[in-house]
């Protein structure tokens, strides 16, 4: 699928490249092809997935046609977050929605809940003007989305 600004993205591949050029830890992004096989990780698939991830949050009032720099920065940050953590997010989401409430691995234990799937604060900060009623509720150090 192609990245189409105003339809499935706010940012182009080139804009995302430019943003991530100065972002620490983004070197894996530059190893990716612009597009690839359906379902494969590519710049296009990550950009579109980040767009859909942000658009799916109920207490964000986002439009496909936004053009300001904060929305583009939030999408680029989300691209990098998904590149680094997609597998963990997917596994956590699957566990939560199949009824797992907690787990223990050796000395580490964790109680799972939907709030564990929140958008990270550094991304939410960029989207503050798009929150419903311009209000962000902070719970336990995470933004509740």
N, C-alpha and C. Protein backbone atom coordinates (compact mmCIF):
# COMPACT_ATOMS: atom_id res chain seq x y z
N UNK A 1 0.84 -1.17 0.00
CA UNK A 1 0.00 0.00 0.00
C UNK A 1 0.89 1.24 0.00
N UNK A 2 0.51 2.21 -0.73
CA UNK A 2 1.28 3.45 -0.83
C UNK A 2 0.86 4.44 0.24
N UNK A 3 1.83 5.21 0.70
CA UNK A 3 1.56 6.29 1.63
C UNK A 3 0.90 7.43 0.86
N UNK A 4 -0.31 7.81 1.29
CA UNK A 4 -1.04 8.90 0.64
C UNK A 4 -1.41 9.93 1.71
N UNK A 5 -0.70 11.06 1.70
CA UNK A 5 -0.95 12.11 2.67
C UNK A 5 -2.38 12.61 2.51
N UNK A 6 -3.07 12.76 3.63
CA UNK A 6 -4.45 13.20 3.61
C UNK A 6 -5.43 12.04 3.53
N UNK A 7 -4.89 10.82 3.40
CA UNK A 7 -5.75 9.65 3.30
C UNK A 7 -5.35 8.58 4.32
N UNK A 8 -4.05 8.18 4.29
CA UNK A 8 -3.58 7.16 5.24
C UNK A 8 -2.30 7.60 5.95
N UNK A 9 -2.02 8.88 5.90
CA UNK A 9 -0.82 9.42 6.56
C UNK A 9 -0.90 10.94 6.64
N UNK A 10 -0.14 11.47 7.59
CA UNK A 10 0.05 12.92 7.66
C UNK A 10 1.45 13.29 7.17
N UNK A 11 2.29 12.29 7.03
CA UNK A 11 3.70 12.52 6.73
C UNK A 11 4.13 11.67 5.54
N UNK A 12 5.01 12.20 4.72
CA UNK A 12 5.57 11.42 3.61
C UNK A 12 6.76 10.61 4.10
N UNK A 13 7.21 9.69 3.30
CA UNK A 13 8.41 8.93 3.64
C UNK A 13 9.60 9.87 3.77
N UNK A 14 9.73 10.82 2.85
CA UNK A 14 10.85 11.77 2.91
C UNK A 14 10.81 12.62 4.17
N UNK A 15 9.62 13.08 4.57
CA UNK A 15 9.50 13.86 5.79
C UNK A 15 9.87 13.02 7.02
N UNK A 16 9.46 11.77 7.01
CA UNK A 16 9.79 10.88 8.11
C UNK A 16 11.30 10.62 8.15
N UNK A 17 11.90 10.41 6.99
CA UNK A 17 13.37 10.27 6.91
C UNK A 17 14.06 11.49 7.51
N UNK A 18 13.62 12.66 7.12
CA UNK A 18 14.22 13.90 7.61
C UNK A 18 14.08 14.01 9.12
N UNK A 19 12.90 13.74 9.64
CA UNK A 19 12.67 13.81 11.08
C UNK A 19 13.57 12.83 11.82
N UNK A 20 13.62 11.59 11.35
CA UNK A 20 14.35 10.54 12.06
C UNK A 20 15.86 10.62 11.87
N UNK A 21 16.32 11.45 10.93
CA UNK A 21 17.76 11.62 10.72
C UNK A 21 18.45 12.09 12.00
N UNK A 22 17.79 12.93 12.77
CA UNK A 22 18.41 13.47 13.98
C UNK A 22 17.90 12.79 15.25
N UNK A 23 17.16 11.71 15.11
CA UNK A 23 16.59 11.01 16.26
C UNK A 23 17.51 9.87 16.67
N UNK A 24 17.99 9.90 17.91
CA UNK A 24 18.85 8.84 18.42
C UNK A 24 18.12 7.51 18.37
N UNK A 25 18.80 6.47 17.94
CA UNK A 25 18.23 5.13 17.91
C UNK A 25 17.40 4.81 16.69
N UNK A 26 17.47 5.64 15.67
CA UNK A 26 16.62 5.43 14.49
C UNK A 26 17.34 4.73 13.34
N UNK A 27 18.53 4.22 13.57
CA UNK A 27 19.31 3.66 12.46
C UNK A 27 18.60 2.50 11.76
N UNK A 28 17.81 1.70 12.48
CA UNK A 28 17.09 0.58 11.83
C UNK A 28 16.09 1.07 10.79
N UNK A 29 15.54 2.26 11.00
CA UNK A 29 14.60 2.85 10.03
C UNK A 29 15.26 2.98 8.66
N UNK A 30 16.49 3.39 8.63
CA UNK A 30 17.17 3.65 7.37
C UNK A 30 17.63 2.38 6.66
N UNK A 31 17.51 1.22 7.33
CA UNK A 31 17.79 -0.06 6.70
C UNK A 31 16.57 -0.62 5.97
N UNK A 32 15.40 -0.01 6.19
CA UNK A 32 14.16 -0.52 5.61
C UNK A 32 13.96 -0.04 4.17
N UNK A 33 13.28 -0.87 3.39
CA UNK A 33 12.87 -0.47 2.04
C UNK A 33 11.67 0.46 2.16
N UNK A 34 11.47 1.32 1.18
CA UNK A 34 10.32 2.22 1.19
C UNK A 34 9.00 1.45 1.19
N UNK A 35 8.94 0.36 0.44
CA UNK A 35 7.75 -0.48 0.43
C UNK A 35 8.19 -1.93 0.29
N UNK A 36 7.27 -2.83 0.55
CA UNK A 36 7.61 -4.25 0.47
C UNK A 36 6.37 -5.08 0.24
N UNK A 37 6.53 -6.38 0.45
CA UNK A 37 5.40 -7.30 0.30
C UNK A 37 4.31 -6.96 1.30
N UNK A 38 3.06 -7.24 0.96
CA UNK A 38 1.97 -6.98 1.90
C UNK A 38 2.24 -7.64 3.25
N UNK A 39 2.09 -6.86 4.31
CA UNK A 39 2.31 -7.36 5.66
C UNK A 39 3.74 -7.32 6.14
N UNK A 40 4.68 -7.08 5.23
CA UNK A 40 6.10 -7.02 5.62
C UNK A 40 6.43 -5.65 6.20
N UNK A 41 7.43 -5.61 7.05
CA UNK A 41 7.86 -4.34 7.61
C UNK A 41 8.59 -3.54 6.54
N UNK A 42 8.10 -2.34 6.31
CA UNK A 42 8.72 -1.39 5.39
C UNK A 42 8.41 0.01 5.91
N UNK A 43 9.02 1.01 5.32
CA UNK A 43 8.72 2.37 5.73
C UNK A 43 7.24 2.69 5.53
N UNK A 44 6.70 2.28 4.38
CA UNK A 44 5.28 2.53 4.09
C UNK A 44 4.38 1.84 5.10
N UNK A 45 4.64 0.57 5.39
CA UNK A 45 3.76 -0.16 6.31
C UNK A 45 3.83 0.43 7.72
N UNK A 46 4.99 0.86 8.15
CA UNK A 46 5.10 1.47 9.47
C UNK A 46 4.43 2.84 9.53
N UNK A 47 4.59 3.64 8.50
CA UNK A 47 3.95 4.96 8.47
C UNK A 47 2.43 4.81 8.51
N UNK A 48 1.89 3.91 7.70
CA UNK A 48 0.44 3.71 7.66
C UNK A 48 -0.05 3.09 8.97
N UNK A 49 0.70 2.15 9.52
CA UNK A 49 0.31 1.54 10.80
C UNK A 49 0.32 2.56 11.93
N UNK A 50 1.31 3.45 11.95
CA UNK A 50 1.35 4.50 12.97
C UNK A 50 0.16 5.43 12.82
N UNK A 51 -0.19 5.77 11.60
CA UNK A 51 -1.36 6.60 11.33
C UNK A 51 -2.62 5.94 11.87
N UNK A 52 -2.82 4.67 11.55
CA UNK A 52 -4.02 3.96 11.99
C UNK A 52 -4.04 3.81 13.52
N UNK A 53 -2.87 3.60 14.12
CA UNK A 53 -2.77 3.47 15.58
C UNK A 53 -3.23 4.77 16.25
N UNK A 54 -2.74 5.90 15.76
CA UNK A 54 -3.13 7.18 16.34
C UNK A 54 -4.59 7.52 16.04
N UNK A 55 -5.04 7.24 14.85
CA UNK A 55 -6.43 7.53 14.48
C UNK A 55 -7.42 6.69 15.29
N UNK A 56 -7.00 5.53 15.77
CA UNK A 56 -7.91 4.63 16.49
C UNK A 56 -8.13 5.02 17.94
N UNK A 57 -7.38 5.96 18.46
CA UNK A 57 -7.52 6.35 19.86
C UNK A 57 -8.75 7.21 20.04
N UNK A 58 -9.67 6.75 20.87
CA UNK A 58 -10.98 7.38 21.00
C UNK A 58 -10.95 8.79 21.57
N UNK A 59 -10.01 9.10 22.45
CA UNK A 59 -10.04 10.44 23.02
C UNK A 59 -9.06 11.38 22.35
N UNK A 60 -8.76 11.10 21.09
CA UNK A 60 -8.03 12.03 20.24
C UNK A 60 -8.96 12.44 19.11
N UNK A 61 -9.04 13.71 18.84
CA UNK A 61 -9.85 14.21 17.73
C UNK A 61 -8.93 14.51 16.56
N UNK A 62 -8.70 13.49 15.75
CA UNK A 62 -7.76 13.60 14.63
C UNK A 62 -8.50 13.50 13.31
N UNK A 63 -8.00 14.21 12.33
CA UNK A 63 -8.54 14.18 10.98
C UNK A 63 -7.43 13.70 10.04
N UNK A 64 -7.81 13.04 8.98
CA UNK A 64 -6.83 12.57 7.99
C UNK A 64 -6.08 13.71 7.32
N UNK A 65 -6.63 14.90 7.35
CA UNK A 65 -6.08 16.02 6.58
C UNK A 65 -5.25 17.01 7.40
N UNK A 66 -4.87 16.64 8.61
CA UNK A 66 -4.05 17.54 9.43
C UNK A 66 -2.69 17.76 8.78
N UNK A 67 -2.14 18.96 8.95
CA UNK A 67 -0.87 19.28 8.29
C UNK A 67 0.17 19.92 9.21
N UNK A 68 -0.18 20.16 10.46
CA UNK A 68 0.78 20.87 11.31
C UNK A 68 1.96 19.97 11.71
N UNK A 69 3.04 20.61 12.10
CA UNK A 69 4.26 19.89 12.41
C UNK A 69 4.12 18.97 13.61
N UNK A 70 3.28 19.32 14.59
CA UNK A 70 3.16 18.45 15.76
C UNK A 70 2.55 17.10 15.39
N UNK A 71 1.59 17.07 14.49
CA UNK A 71 0.99 15.80 14.08
C UNK A 71 1.99 14.98 13.27
N UNK A 72 2.77 15.64 12.44
CA UNK A 72 3.80 14.93 11.66
C UNK A 72 4.88 14.37 12.58
N UNK A 73 5.28 15.15 13.57
CA UNK A 73 6.29 14.69 14.54
C UNK A 73 5.74 13.51 15.34
N UNK A 74 4.48 13.59 15.76
CA UNK A 74 3.86 12.50 16.51
C UNK A 74 3.82 11.23 15.68
N UNK A 75 3.52 11.36 14.39
CA UNK A 75 3.48 10.17 13.54
C UNK A 75 4.89 9.60 13.37
N UNK A 76 5.88 10.44 13.17
CA UNK A 76 7.26 9.95 13.03
C UNK A 76 7.72 9.26 14.32
N UNK A 77 7.40 9.85 15.47
CA UNK A 77 7.75 9.22 16.75
C UNK A 77 7.03 7.88 16.91
N UNK A 78 5.78 7.82 16.46
CA UNK A 78 5.02 6.58 16.53
C UNK A 78 5.59 5.51 15.61
N UNK A 79 6.07 5.93 14.44
CA UNK A 79 6.73 5.02 13.52
C UNK A 79 7.92 4.36 14.20
N UNK A 80 8.75 5.16 14.83
CA UNK A 80 9.93 4.62 15.51
C UNK A 80 9.53 3.73 16.68
N UNK A 81 8.52 4.13 17.44
CA UNK A 81 8.05 3.32 18.57
C UNK A 81 7.54 1.97 18.08
N UNK A 82 6.74 1.96 17.01
CA UNK A 82 6.24 0.69 16.48
C UNK A 82 7.37 -0.17 15.91
N UNK A 83 8.33 0.45 15.26
CA UNK A 83 9.48 -0.30 14.74
C UNK A 83 10.20 -1.02 15.88
N UNK A 84 10.36 -0.34 17.00
CA UNK A 84 11.10 -0.90 18.13
C UNK A 84 10.26 -1.85 18.98
N UNK A 85 8.94 -1.62 19.08
CA UNK A 85 8.14 -2.33 20.09
C UNK A 85 6.90 -3.02 19.57
N UNK A 86 6.73 -3.16 18.27
CA UNK A 86 5.50 -3.76 17.75
C UNK A 86 5.25 -5.16 18.31
N UNK A 87 6.27 -6.00 18.30
CA UNK A 87 6.08 -7.37 18.76
C UNK A 87 5.62 -7.41 20.22
N UNK A 88 6.23 -6.58 21.06
CA UNK A 88 5.84 -6.54 22.48
C UNK A 88 4.41 -6.02 22.64
N UNK A 89 4.05 -4.96 21.90
CA UNK A 89 2.69 -4.42 21.97
C UNK A 89 1.67 -5.45 21.51
N UNK A 90 1.96 -6.14 20.45
CA UNK A 90 1.05 -7.14 19.91
C UNK A 90 0.88 -8.30 20.89
N UNK A 91 1.98 -8.76 21.49
CA UNK A 91 1.91 -9.86 22.46
C UNK A 91 1.13 -9.43 23.70
N UNK A 92 1.38 -8.22 24.18
CA UNK A 92 0.68 -7.71 25.37
C UNK A 92 -0.81 -7.57 25.08
N UNK A 93 -1.14 -7.02 23.92
CA UNK A 93 -2.55 -6.85 23.54
C UNK A 93 -3.23 -8.21 23.45
N UNK A 94 -2.58 -9.18 22.83
CA UNK A 94 -3.16 -10.52 22.71
C UNK A 94 -3.38 -11.13 24.09
N UNK A 95 -2.42 -10.97 24.98
CA UNK A 95 -2.57 -11.51 26.34
C UNK A 95 -3.74 -10.86 27.06
N UNK A 96 -3.83 -9.54 27.00
CA UNK A 96 -4.90 -8.82 27.69
C UNK A 96 -6.26 -9.24 27.17
N UNK A 97 -6.41 -9.30 25.85
CA UNK A 97 -7.72 -9.57 25.28
C UNK A 97 -8.07 -11.05 25.22
N UNK A 98 -7.15 -11.91 25.64
CA UNK A 98 -7.49 -13.33 25.79
C UNK A 98 -7.64 -13.70 27.26
N UNK A 99 -7.64 -12.68 28.12
CA UNK A 99 -7.97 -12.90 29.53
C UNK A 99 -6.81 -12.98 30.50
N UNK A 100 -5.58 -12.84 30.04
CA UNK A 100 -4.45 -12.88 30.96
C UNK A 100 -4.48 -11.60 31.80
N UNK A 101 -4.46 -11.78 33.11
CA UNK A 101 -4.50 -10.63 34.00
C UNK A 101 -3.14 -10.27 34.57
N UNK A 102 -2.27 -11.28 34.71
CA UNK A 102 -0.93 -11.02 35.23
C UNK A 102 -0.02 -12.17 34.83
N UNK A 103 1.28 -11.94 34.97
CA UNK A 103 2.25 -13.00 34.69
C UNK A 103 3.47 -12.80 35.58
N UNK A 104 4.22 -13.87 35.71
CA UNK A 104 5.45 -13.84 36.49
C UNK A 104 6.53 -14.59 35.72
N UNK A 105 7.67 -13.95 35.54
CA UNK A 105 8.83 -14.58 34.93
C UNK A 105 9.98 -14.38 35.90
N UNK A 106 10.40 -15.47 36.52
CA UNK A 106 11.47 -15.42 37.52
C UNK A 106 11.07 -14.43 38.62
N UNK A 107 11.85 -13.37 38.81
CA UNK A 107 11.56 -12.39 39.85
C UNK A 107 10.68 -11.25 39.35
N UNK A 108 10.40 -11.21 38.07
CA UNK A 108 9.60 -10.13 37.49
C UNK A 108 8.14 -10.57 37.37
N UNK A 109 7.25 -9.71 37.83
CA UNK A 109 5.83 -9.96 37.65
C UNK A 109 5.18 -8.67 37.17
N UNK A 110 4.06 -8.83 36.49
CA UNK A 110 3.37 -7.66 35.96
C UNK A 110 1.88 -7.96 35.92
N UNK A 111 1.10 -6.95 36.30
CA UNK A 111 -0.34 -7.03 36.17
C UNK A 111 -0.71 -6.31 34.87
N UNK A 112 -1.44 -6.99 34.01
CA UNK A 112 -1.79 -6.42 32.70
C UNK A 112 -3.15 -5.76 32.74
N UNK A 113 -3.27 -4.65 32.02
CA UNK A 113 -4.56 -4.01 31.81
C UNK A 113 -4.47 -3.19 30.53
N UNK A 114 -5.60 -2.75 30.06
CA UNK A 114 -5.66 -2.01 28.80
C UNK A 114 -4.80 -0.75 28.85
N UNK A 115 -4.64 -0.13 30.01
CA UNK A 115 -3.82 1.08 30.11
C UNK A 115 -2.35 0.81 29.78
N UNK A 116 -1.92 -0.44 29.83
CA UNK A 116 -0.55 -0.77 29.44
C UNK A 116 -0.33 -0.57 27.94
N UNK A 117 -1.41 -0.36 27.20
CA UNK A 117 -1.31 -0.17 25.76
C UNK A 117 -1.37 1.31 25.38
N UNK A 118 -1.23 2.18 26.36
CA UNK A 118 -1.34 3.62 26.12
C UNK A 118 -0.22 4.12 25.21
N UNK A 119 -0.51 5.20 24.51
CA UNK A 119 0.49 5.87 23.69
C UNK A 119 1.51 6.50 24.64
N UNK A 120 2.79 6.34 24.39
CA UNK A 120 3.82 6.89 25.28
C UNK A 120 3.68 8.41 25.45
N UNK A 121 4.04 8.91 26.63
CA UNK A 121 3.89 10.34 26.93
C UNK A 121 4.60 11.27 25.95
N UNK A 122 5.77 10.89 25.44
CA UNK A 122 6.48 11.80 24.53
C UNK A 122 5.72 11.98 23.21
N UNK A 123 4.90 11.01 22.84
CA UNK A 123 4.06 11.15 21.65
C UNK A 123 2.78 11.91 22.00
N UNK A 124 2.17 11.57 23.14
CA UNK A 124 0.94 12.26 23.55
C UNK A 124 1.17 13.75 23.75
N UNK A 125 2.35 14.11 24.21
CA UNK A 125 2.65 15.53 24.38
C UNK A 125 2.54 16.30 23.08
N UNK A 126 2.90 15.66 21.98
CA UNK A 126 2.80 16.29 20.66
C UNK A 126 1.35 16.41 20.20
N UNK A 127 0.48 15.60 20.77
CA UNK A 127 -0.92 15.56 20.35
C UNK A 127 -1.86 16.25 21.33
N UNK A 128 -1.31 16.97 22.27
CA UNK A 128 -2.13 17.57 23.33
C UNK A 128 -3.29 18.40 22.80
N UNK A 129 -3.08 19.14 21.73
CA UNK A 129 -4.16 19.99 21.20
C UNK A 129 -5.27 19.18 20.54
N UNK A 130 -5.06 17.88 20.34
CA UNK A 130 -6.06 17.04 19.69
C UNK A 130 -6.81 16.13 20.66
N UNK A 131 -6.56 16.29 21.96
CA UNK A 131 -7.26 15.46 22.92
C UNK A 131 -8.68 15.97 23.09
N UNK A 132 -9.59 15.06 23.36
CA UNK A 132 -10.98 15.42 23.56
C UNK A 132 -11.06 16.39 24.73
N UNK A 133 -11.71 17.52 24.52
CA UNK A 133 -11.84 18.56 25.53
C UNK A 133 -10.50 19.11 25.99
N UNK A 134 -9.45 18.94 25.18
CA UNK A 134 -8.11 19.40 25.54
C UNK A 134 -7.70 18.95 26.93
N UNK A 135 -8.03 17.72 27.27
CA UNK A 135 -7.75 17.20 28.60
C UNK A 135 -7.06 15.85 28.48
N UNK A 136 -5.93 15.71 29.16
CA UNK A 136 -5.23 14.44 29.24
C UNK A 136 -5.24 14.02 30.70
N UNK A 137 -5.66 12.79 30.95
CA UNK A 137 -5.68 12.26 32.30
C UNK A 137 -4.42 11.44 32.49
N UNK A 138 -3.64 11.76 33.51
CA UNK A 138 -2.42 11.03 33.77
C UNK A 138 -2.66 10.05 34.91
N UNK A 139 -2.44 8.76 34.66
CA UNK A 139 -2.59 7.73 35.65
C UNK A 139 -1.32 6.93 35.76
N UNK A 140 -0.76 6.86 36.91
CA UNK A 140 0.41 6.01 37.14
C UNK A 140 1.57 6.31 36.23
N UNK A 141 1.79 7.56 35.88
CA UNK A 141 2.93 7.91 35.04
C UNK A 141 2.71 7.69 33.56
N UNK A 142 1.52 7.26 33.16
CA UNK A 142 1.22 7.06 31.75
C UNK A 142 0.00 7.90 31.40
N UNK A 143 -0.08 8.31 30.16
CA UNK A 143 -1.29 8.97 29.70
C UNK A 143 -2.33 7.92 29.44
N UNK A 144 -3.51 8.11 29.97
CA UNK A 144 -4.61 7.17 29.80
C UNK A 144 -5.32 7.47 28.50
N UNK A 145 -5.12 6.60 27.52
CA UNK A 145 -5.71 6.81 26.20
C UNK A 145 -6.65 5.68 25.86
